[in-house]
């Protein structure tokens, strides 16, 4: 079991050396759907810390972010549950290409 603890300690040390820039770069490489999942995961982790800060100013910007997160959750829930990853990737690529070309239309 000491080997497992050692492996865990090594993995933990490696995770602790990851910079915010590296995380942001990796997040940029995610599909929009996975970015929403990441936001949801992070919001669950930080929500208790925000609640524990009495007297923290409530900013409209923060409220807008939570409203946007709720909207993204609703949109995520409306996605087809059995869509293949390859279909999602193809749709994401088509959407990105349309955005780059400025057409605004996505063809599936």
Protein backbone atom coordinates (compact mmCIF):
# COMPACT_ATOMS: atom_id res chain seq x y z
CA UNK A 1 0.00 0.00 0.00
CA UNK A 2 2.94 2.35 0.49
CA UNK A 3 3.61 2.14 -3.25
CA UNK A 4 0.05 3.37 -3.86
CA UNK A 5 0.53 6.27 -1.48
CA UNK A 6 3.79 7.14 -3.18
CA UNK A 7 2.13 7.03 -6.60
CA UNK A 8 -0.70 9.20 -5.33
CA UNK A 9 1.76 11.71 -3.86
CA UNK A 10 3.65 11.88 -7.15
CA UNK A 11 0.44 12.40 -9.13
CA UNK A 12 -0.69 15.07 -6.69
CA UNK A 13 2.62 16.90 -6.98
CA UNK A 14 2.36 16.86 -10.75
CA UNK A 15 -1.16 18.30 -10.58
CA UNK A 16 -0.02 21.03 -8.24
CA UNK A 17 2.55 22.24 -10.76
CA UNK A 18 0.00 22.85 -13.51
CA UNK A 19 -0.38 26.55 -14.26
CA UNK A 20 -3.57 28.44 -14.92
CA UNK A 21 -2.34 29.17 -18.45
CA UNK A 22 -1.97 25.43 -19.09
CA UNK A 23 -5.46 24.74 -17.79
CA UNK A 24 -6.93 27.54 -19.91
CA UNK A 25 -5.12 26.23 -22.97
CA UNK A 26 -6.50 22.74 -22.37
CA UNK A 27 -10.00 24.12 -21.75
CA UNK A 28 -9.83 25.97 -25.09
CA UNK A 29 -9.27 22.62 -26.80
CA UNK A 30 -12.50 21.15 -25.38
CA UNK A 31 -15.71 20.99 -27.34
CA UNK A 32 -18.38 23.51 -26.31
CA UNK A 33 -20.30 20.69 -24.62
CA UNK A 34 -17.28 19.65 -22.57
CA UNK A 35 -16.57 23.29 -21.72
CA UNK A 36 -20.07 23.53 -20.25
CA UNK A 37 -19.45 20.35 -18.28
CA UNK A 38 -16.19 21.85 -16.98
CA UNK A 39 -17.95 25.06 -15.96
CA UNK A 40 -20.60 23.07 -14.15
CA UNK A 41 -17.97 21.00 -12.36
CA UNK A 42 -16.00 24.08 -11.28
CA UNK A 43 -19.12 25.98 -10.22
CA UNK A 44 -20.05 23.13 -7.89
CA UNK A 45 -16.60 23.27 -6.33
CA UNK A 46 -16.48 27.03 -5.81
CA UNK A 47 -20.12 27.67 -4.87
CA UNK A 48 -19.60 26.73 -1.19
CA UNK A 49 -16.63 29.09 -0.97
CA UNK A 50 -18.72 31.95 -2.35
CA UNK A 51 -21.53 31.28 0.11
CA UNK A 52 -19.07 31.21 3.02
CA UNK A 53 -17.89 34.77 2.31
CA UNK A 54 -20.27 36.99 4.28
CA UNK A 55 -20.17 40.58 3.19
CA UNK A 56 -18.79 39.77 -0.25
CA UNK A 57 -20.18 42.27 -2.73
CA UNK A 58 -22.82 40.89 -5.05
CA UNK A 59 -22.04 42.19 -8.49
CA UNK A 60 -24.45 42.22 -11.41
CA UNK A 61 -21.68 40.66 -13.50
CA UNK A 62 -21.59 37.65 -11.15
CA UNK A 63 -25.36 37.33 -11.32
CA UNK A 64 -25.18 37.44 -15.12
CA UNK A 65 -22.60 34.65 -15.05
CA UNK A 66 -24.85 32.45 -12.90
CA UNK A 67 -27.81 33.18 -15.17
CA UNK A 68 -25.69 32.23 -18.18
CA UNK A 69 -24.60 29.03 -16.44
CA UNK A 70 -28.23 28.14 -15.81
CA UNK A 71 -29.02 28.83 -19.47
CA UNK A 72 -26.14 26.58 -20.55
CA UNK A 73 -27.36 23.83 -18.22
CA UNK A 74 -30.81 24.06 -19.80
CA UNK A 75 -29.33 23.90 -23.29
CA UNK A 76 -27.13 20.98 -22.27
CA UNK A 77 -30.13 19.10 -20.89
CA UNK A 78 -31.95 19.65 -24.20
CA UNK A 79 -29.18 17.99 -26.23
CA UNK A 80 -29.88 14.50 -27.55
CA UNK A 81 -28.69 12.01 -24.96
CA UNK A 82 -27.55 9.34 -27.39
CA UNK A 83 -25.54 11.48 -29.79
CA UNK A 84 -22.29 9.79 -30.73
CA UNK A 85 -19.08 11.60 -29.85
CA UNK A 86 -18.09 11.55 -33.52
CA UNK A 87 -21.37 13.26 -34.45
CA UNK A 88 -20.82 15.89 -31.75
CA UNK A 89 -17.27 16.52 -32.96
CA UNK A 90 -18.45 16.85 -36.56
CA UNK A 91 -21.16 19.32 -35.53
CA UNK A 92 -18.67 21.31 -33.42
CA UNK A 93 -16.21 21.47 -36.31
CA UNK A 94 -18.93 22.59 -38.72
CA UNK A 95 -20.04 25.29 -36.27
CA UNK A 96 -16.48 26.54 -35.79
CA UNK A 97 -15.91 26.59 -39.55
CA UNK A 98 -19.15 28.50 -40.10
CA UNK A 99 -18.13 31.01 -37.43
CA UNK A 100 -14.72 31.44 -39.04
CA UNK A 101 -16.27 31.97 -42.45
CA UNK A 102 -18.89 34.30 -41.02
CA UNK A 103 -21.84 32.53 -42.56
CA UNK A 104 -23.47 31.85 -39.20
CA UNK A 105 -25.21 28.78 -40.60
CA UNK A 106 -24.28 25.28 -39.62
CA UNK A 107 -24.91 22.38 -41.95
CA UNK A 108 -25.26 18.93 -40.45
